[in-house]
Structure formats: C-alpha cells, structure tokens
Amino acid sequence: MKRSKRRASKANALGQSRISPEEAVEFLEAMRVMAGEIDEPTVPISLRVPANILRIVKLRAKADGKKYQSLIVEYIRKGIQGRNND
C-alpha cells in the first residue's frame, strides 16, 4: 500500500477525514467572513440538545436580556474562533 493511502486509512480509522482543497478554501472563506462579523441570512436547522443544557441556555439568555437562539449562535461563534466563554 502506498504511503498516502496508509495515512488516509489511518485518518479514517481515527474518525478523521481529509478535506479537499475546495473544502479548505470554502472553510477559510467562511472564517474570513465570520471574522468580519458579517452574518449571512439564517438557516433553520434541527438540533437535539439535552434538556438541562437548553434550560440553562434559556435562563442565561433571559438573564442577559437576549433570545436563547442568539445566545446559542454566540456560543458557537466563540467555539469556532477558539475563544473562552464569558
């Protein structure tokens, strides 16, 4: 087996996958846009969240005077950017 195939096999076995150059460019562009705090229109998704976590997020949002979905987006953004939560 060629060396590159062995590496790909090992990456897949570890639950990792290689991304194409096009996917890498798309990711970098998305990060650039996000860094500029320019949000695109929202897209509805379905996400299963443990009830206790959702309850805490809703209470935190209420205490901060925010909508809980906006707070979830804020947490996701911070996680992607590698920043600690406040």
C-alpha atoms as a PDB file:
ATOM      1  CA  MET A   1       0.000   0.000   0.000  1.00  0.00           C
ATOM      2  CA  LYS A   2       1.288   3.443  -0.823  1.00  0.00           C
ATOM      3  CA  ARG A   3       2.242   5.770   1.982  1.00  0.00           C
ATOM      4  CA  SER A   4      -0.518   8.329   1.265  1.00  0.00           C
ATOM      5  CA  LYS A   5      -3.185   5.604   1.261  1.00  0.00           C
ATOM      6  CA  ARG A   6      -1.917   4.319   4.619  1.00  0.00           C
ATOM      7  CA  ARG A   7      -2.157   7.802   6.093  1.00  0.00           C
ATOM      8  CA  ALA A   8      -5.676   8.247   4.713  1.00  0.00           C
ATOM      9  CA  SER A   9      -6.691   4.845   6.074  1.00  0.00           C
ATOM     10  CA  LYS A  10      -5.274   5.697   9.490  1.00  0.00           C
ATOM     11  CA  ALA A  11      -7.033   9.085   9.477  1.00  0.00           C
ATOM     12  CA  ASN A  12     -10.352   7.456   8.564  1.00  0.00           C
ATOM     13  CA  ALA A  13      -9.899   4.803  11.252  1.00  0.00           C
ATOM     14  CA  LEU A  14      -9.454   7.582  13.814  1.00  0.00           C
ATOM     15  CA  GLY A  15     -12.695   9.215  12.688  1.00  0.00           C
ATOM     16  CA  GLN A  16     -10.853  11.879  10.760  1.00  0.00           C
ATOM     17  CA  SER A  17     -11.252  12.572   7.104  1.00  0.00           C
ATOM     18  CA  ARG A  18      -9.254  14.570   4.663  1.00  0.00           C
ATOM     19  CA  ILE A  19     -10.827  17.595   3.101  1.00  0.00           C
ATOM     20  CA  SER A  20     -10.451  18.588  -0.485  1.00  0.00           C
ATOM     21  CA  PRO A  21      -8.657  21.798  -1.478  1.00  0.00           C
ATOM     22  CA  GLU A  22     -12.042  23.227  -2.449  1.00  0.00           C
ATOM     23  CA  GLU A  23     -13.441  22.459   1.026  1.00  0.00           C
ATOM     24  CA  ALA A  24     -10.384  24.071   2.613  1.00  0.00           C
ATOM     25  CA  VAL A  25     -10.895  27.233   0.565  1.00  0.00           C
ATOM     26  CA  GLU A  26     -14.604  27.252   1.468  1.00  0.00           C
ATOM     27  CA  PHE A  27     -13.740  26.891   5.169  1.00  0.00           C
ATOM     28  CA  LEU A  28     -11.170  29.696   5.042  1.00  0.00           C
ATOM     29  CA  GLU A  29     -13.609  31.987   3.238  1.00  0.00           C
ATOM     30  CA  ALA A  30     -16.302  31.259   5.833  1.00  0.00           C
ATOM     31  CA  MET A  31     -13.829  32.058   8.618  1.00  0.00           C
ATOM     32  CA  ARG A  32     -12.833  35.295   6.884  1.00  0.00           C
ATOM     33  CA  VAL A  33     -16.460  36.380   6.594  1.00  0.00           C
ATOM     34  CA  MET A  34     -17.162  35.419  10.192  1.00  0.00           C
ATOM     35  CA  ALA A  35     -14.087  37.300  11.383  1.00  0.00           C
ATOM     36  CA  GLY A  36     -15.533  40.411   9.790  1.00  0.00           C
ATOM     37  CA  GLU A  37     -18.738  39.805  11.803  1.00  0.00           C
ATOM     38  CA  ILE A  38     -20.725  39.854   8.545  1.00  0.00           C
ATOM     39  CA  ASP A  39     -23.507  37.343   9.034  1.00  0.00           C
ATOM     40  CA  GLU A  40     -25.376  35.761   6.200  1.00  0.00           C
ATOM     41  CA  PRO A  41     -29.127  35.141   6.461  1.00  0.00           C
ATOM     42  CA  THR A  42     -30.051  32.477   8.996  1.00  0.00           C
ATOM     43  CA  VAL A  43     -30.870  28.904   8.042  1.00  0.00           C
ATOM     44  CA  PRO A  44     -33.257  26.751  10.081  1.00  0.00           C
ATOM     45  CA  ILE A  45     -31.745  23.544  11.470  1.00  0.00           C
ATOM     46  CA  SER A  46     -32.906  20.743  13.708  1.00  0.00           C
ATOM     47  CA  LEU A  47     -30.636  20.085  16.657  1.00  0.00           C
ATOM     48  CA  ARG A  48     -31.137  17.725  19.575  1.00  0.00           C
ATOM     49  CA  VAL A  49     -29.861  19.221  22.826  1.00  0.00           C
ATOM     50  CA  PRO A  50     -30.066  17.741  26.325  1.00  0.00           C
ATOM     51  CA  ALA A  51     -32.968  19.360  28.218  1.00  0.00           C
ATOM     52  CA  ASN A  52     -30.774  20.535  31.103  1.00  0.00           C
ATOM     53  CA  ILE A  53     -28.390  22.356  28.746  1.00  0.00           C
ATOM     54  CA  LEU A  54     -31.234  24.028  26.863  1.00  0.00           C
ATOM     55  CA  ARG A  55     -32.829  25.080  30.157  1.00  0.00           C
ATOM     56  CA  ILE A  56     -29.554  26.647  31.307  1.00  0.00           C
ATOM     57  CA  VAL A  57     -29.056  28.463  27.988  1.00  0.00           C
ATOM     58  CA  LYS A  58     -32.619  29.817  28.106  1.00  0.00           C
ATOM     59  CA  LEU A  59     -32.155  31.035  31.694  1.00  0.00           C
ATOM     60  CA  ARG A  60     -28.805  32.637  30.842  1.00  0.00           C
ATOM     61  CA  ALA A  61     -30.324  34.334  27.780  1.00  0.00           C
ATOM     62  CA  LYS A  62     -33.233  35.655  29.843  1.00  0.00           C
ATOM     63  CA  ALA A  63     -30.846  36.994  32.488  1.00  0.00           C
ATOM     64  CA  ASP A  64     -28.789  38.711  29.762  1.00  0.00           C
ATOM     65  CA  GLY A  65     -31.897  40.084  28.001  1.00  0.00           C
ATOM     66  CA  LYS A  66     -31.173  38.067  24.842  1.00  0.00           C
ATOM     67  CA  LYS A  67     -33.006  35.496  22.776  1.00  0.00           C
ATOM     68  CA  TYR A  68     -31.774  31.989  23.546  1.00  0.00           C
ATOM     69  CA  GLN A  69     -31.169  31.114  19.878  1.00  0.00           C
ATOM     70  CA  SER A  70     -28.986  34.207  19.509  1.00  0.00           C
ATOM     71  CA  LEU A  71     -27.042  33.124  22.580  1.00  0.00           C
ATOM     72  CA  ILE A  72     -26.511  29.656  21.097  1.00  0.00           C
ATOM     73  CA  VAL A  73     -25.142  31.263  17.897  1.00  0.00           C
ATOM     74  CA  GLU A  74     -22.864  33.423  20.048  1.00  0.00           C
ATOM     75  CA  TYR A  75     -21.551  30.327  21.854  1.00  0.00           C
ATOM     76  CA  ILE A  76     -20.996  28.516  18.551  1.00  0.00           C
ATOM     77  CA  ARG A  77     -19.133  31.517  17.143  1.00  0.00           C
ATOM     78  CA  LYS A  78     -16.884  31.708  20.213  1.00  0.00           C
ATOM     79  CA  GLY A  79     -16.210  27.981  19.995  1.00  0.00           C
ATOM     80  CA  ILE A  80     -15.244  28.191  16.340  1.00  0.00           C
ATOM     81  CA  GLN A  81     -12.967  31.144  16.984  1.00  0.00           C
ATOM     82  CA  GLY A  82     -11.393  29.351  19.950  1.00  0.00           C
ATOM     83  CA  ARG A  83     -12.326  31.991  22.493  1.00  0.00           C
ATOM     84  CA  ASN A  84     -13.384  31.244  26.058  1.00  0.00           C
ATOM     85  CA  ASN A  85     -16.971  31.915  27.063  1.00  0.00           C
ATOM     86  CA  ASP A  86     -17.578  34.912  29.314  1.00  0.00           C
END
